[in-house]
Amino acid sequence: MPSCWSCHKEIELNNFHRQDSCLQCGRDTHACKNCEHYDIAFNNGCKESSADRVVDKEKSNFCDYFVPSARKADALSTQSAAKLAAEALFKKK
């Protein structure tokens, strides 16, 4: 079952519509960070090459390619930890 990109609480599949939000933390569920195609290694942070550019990856959007992510919460935590470590390593002083 997919989980929230922010608090990692599991979200039922019928709660990923444009105006839905996580019952735990209130963050938007139909957002890039909750999508299977979200990957910061790709152009515009999306593996789907035909998708329109979305600037705010944490806000709800109208993307037709949205698919709730099957990543587990611990995988998201690991990815977030790796990103924070990289940012700390290359931080400008």
C-alpha atoms as a PDB file:
ATOM      1  CA  MET A   1       0.000   0.000   0.000  1.00  0.00           C
ATOM      2  CA  PRO A   2       1.342   3.471  -0.853  1.00  0.00           C
ATOM      3  CA  SER A   3       2.389   5.784   1.931  1.00  0.00           C
ATOM      4  CA  CYS A   4       2.631   9.546   2.421  1.00  0.00           C
ATOM      5  CA  TRP A   5       5.858  11.114   1.163  1.00  0.00           C
ATOM      6  CA  SER A   6       6.009  13.318   4.259  1.00  0.00           C
ATOM      7  CA  CYS A   7       4.897  11.325   7.331  1.00  0.00           C
ATOM      8  CA  HIS A   8       5.109   7.828   5.762  1.00  0.00           C
ATOM      9  CA  LYS A   9       1.608   6.839   6.945  1.00  0.00           C
ATOM     10  CA  GLU A  10      -0.084   4.348   4.632  1.00  0.00           C
ATOM     11  CA  ILE A  11      -2.727   5.849   2.334  1.00  0.00           C
ATOM     12  CA  GLU A  12      -5.570   3.928   0.720  1.00  0.00           C
ATOM     13  CA  LEU A  13      -5.556   3.925  -3.088  1.00  0.00           C
ATOM     14  CA  ASN A  14      -8.836   5.867  -3.304  1.00  0.00           C
ATOM     15  CA  ASN A  15      -7.241   8.866  -1.485  1.00  0.00           C
ATOM     16  CA  PHE A  16      -5.020  10.128  -4.316  1.00  0.00           C
ATOM     17  CA  HIS A  17      -7.406  12.499  -6.084  1.00  0.00           C
ATOM     18  CA  ARG A  18      -6.465  16.098  -6.898  1.00  0.00           C
ATOM     19  CA  GLN A  19      -7.887  17.589  -3.685  1.00  0.00           C
ATOM     20  CA  ASP A  20      -7.086  14.738  -1.262  1.00  0.00           C
ATOM     21  CA  SER A  21      -4.618  15.104   1.576  1.00  0.00           C
ATOM     22  CA  CYS A  22      -2.966  12.788   4.080  1.00  0.00           C
ATOM     23  CA  LEU A  23      -5.170  12.180   7.110  1.00  0.00           C
ATOM     24  CA  GLN A  24      -2.083  12.150   9.384  1.00  0.00           C
ATOM     25  CA  CYS A  25      -0.122  15.255   8.324  1.00  0.00           C
ATOM     26  CA  GLY A  26      -2.435  17.096   5.908  1.00  0.00           C
ATOM     27  CA  ARG A  27       0.023  17.120   2.967  1.00  0.00           C
ATOM     28  CA  ASP A  28      -1.307  16.765  -0.581  1.00  0.00           C
ATOM     29  CA  THR A  29      -1.415  13.145  -1.775  1.00  0.00           C
ATOM     30  CA  HIS A  30      -1.657  13.795  -5.561  1.00  0.00           C
ATOM     31  CA  ALA A  31       1.841  15.317  -5.602  1.00  0.00           C
ATOM     32  CA  CYS A  32       5.022  14.434  -7.460  1.00  0.00           C
ATOM     33  CA  LYS A  33       6.733  13.164  -4.317  1.00  0.00           C
ATOM     34  CA  ASN A  34       3.992  10.511  -3.994  1.00  0.00           C
ATOM     35  CA  CYS A  35       4.274   9.416  -7.632  1.00  0.00           C
ATOM     36  CA  GLU A  36       5.930   6.290  -8.993  1.00  0.00           C
ATOM     37  CA  HIS A  37       7.591   8.440 -11.689  1.00  0.00           C
ATOM     38  CA  TYR A  38       9.222  10.878  -9.220  1.00  0.00           C
ATOM     39  CA  ASP A  39      13.008  10.664  -9.363  1.00  0.00           C
ATOM     40  CA  ILE A  40      15.343  13.618  -8.843  1.00  0.00           C
ATOM     41  CA  ALA A  41      17.935  11.996 -11.120  1.00  0.00           C
ATOM     42  CA  PHE A  42      15.719  12.698 -14.162  1.00  0.00           C
ATOM     43  CA  ASN A  43      14.951  15.945 -15.967  1.00  0.00           C
ATOM     44  CA  ASN A  44      12.349  17.930 -14.005  1.00  0.00           C
ATOM     45  CA  GLY A  45      12.394  15.197 -11.325  1.00  0.00           C
ATOM     46  CA  CYS A  46      10.217  12.848 -13.373  1.00  0.00           C
ATOM     47  CA  LYS A  47      10.878   9.558 -15.193  1.00  0.00           C
ATOM     48  CA  GLU A  48       7.887  10.210 -17.474  1.00  0.00           C
ATOM     49  CA  SER A  49       9.342  12.173 -20.397  1.00  0.00           C
ATOM     50  CA  SER A  50       5.931  13.366 -21.679  1.00  0.00           C
ATOM     51  CA  ALA A  51       4.788  14.893 -18.377  1.00  0.00           C
ATOM     52  CA  ASP A  52       4.514  18.659 -18.065  1.00  0.00           C
ATOM     53  CA  ARG A  53       6.964  20.381 -15.736  1.00  0.00           C
ATOM     54  CA  VAL A  54       5.748  20.751 -12.149  1.00  0.00           C
ATOM     55  CA  VAL A  55       7.682  23.277 -10.092  1.00  0.00           C
ATOM     56  CA  ASP A  56       6.446  22.435  -6.586  1.00  0.00           C
ATOM     57  CA  LYS A  57       6.816  18.661  -6.155  1.00  0.00           C
ATOM     58  CA  GLU A  58       5.043  18.720  -2.761  1.00  0.00           C
ATOM     59  CA  LYS A  59       1.793  20.362  -3.899  1.00  0.00           C
ATOM     60  CA  SER A  60      -1.196  18.799  -5.616  1.00  0.00           C
ATOM     61  CA  ASN A  61      -1.115  19.006  -9.423  1.00  0.00           C
ATOM     62  CA  PHE A  62      -3.036  18.044 -12.571  1.00  0.00           C
ATOM     63  CA  CYS A  63      -0.530  15.509 -13.963  1.00  0.00           C
ATOM     64  CA  ASP A  64      -2.261  12.786 -15.991  1.00  0.00           C
ATOM     65  CA  TYR A  65       0.710  10.445 -15.532  1.00  0.00           C
ATOM     66  CA  PHE A  66       0.391  10.310 -11.721  1.00  0.00           C
ATOM     67  CA  VAL A  67       0.621   6.791 -10.273  1.00  0.00           C
ATOM     68  CA  PRO A  68       0.673   6.332  -6.473  1.00  0.00           C
ATOM     69  CA  SER A  69       4.144   5.213  -5.500  1.00  0.00           C
ATOM     70  CA  ALA A  70       4.635   1.655  -4.289  1.00  0.00           C
ATOM     71  CA  ARG A  71       7.838   2.626  -2.435  1.00  0.00           C
ATOM     72  CA  LYS A  72       7.820   1.716   1.206  1.00  0.00           C
ATOM     73  CA  ALA A  73       8.258   4.363   3.897  1.00  0.00           C
ATOM     74  CA  ASP A  74      11.726   3.097   4.835  1.00  0.00           C
ATOM     75  CA  ALA A  75      12.868   3.495   1.208  1.00  0.00           C
ATOM     76  CA  LEU A  76      11.660   7.083   1.263  1.00  0.00           C
ATOM     77  CA  SER A  77      13.496   7.682   4.532  1.00  0.00           C
ATOM     78  CA  THR A  78      16.697   6.222   3.084  1.00  0.00           C
ATOM     79  CA  GLN A  79      16.384   8.412   0.001  1.00  0.00           C
ATOM     80  CA  SER A  80      15.771  11.493   2.149  1.00  0.00           C
ATOM     81  CA  ALA A  81      18.748  10.670   4.363  1.00  0.00           C
ATOM     82  CA  ALA A  82      21.005  10.231   1.332  1.00  0.00           C
ATOM     83  CA  LYS A  83      19.847  13.547  -0.107  1.00  0.00           C
ATOM     84  CA  LEU A  84      20.488  15.353   3.186  1.00  0.00           C
ATOM     85  CA  ALA A  85      23.957  13.807   3.428  1.00  0.00           C
ATOM     86  CA  ALA A  86      24.795  14.909  -0.123  1.00  0.00           C
ATOM     87  CA  GLU A  87      23.535  18.433   0.533  1.00  0.00           C
ATOM     88  CA  ALA A  88      25.636  18.637   3.701  1.00  0.00           C
ATOM     89  CA  LEU A  89      28.695  17.405   1.817  1.00  0.00           C
ATOM     90  CA  PHE A  90      28.390  19.985  -0.973  1.00  0.00           C
ATOM     91  CA  LYS A  91      27.027  22.830   1.142  1.00  0.00           C
ATOM     92  CA  LYS A  92      28.492  26.250   0.323  1.00  0.00           C
ATOM     93  CA  LYS A  93      30.264  27.880   3.228  1.00  0.00           C
END
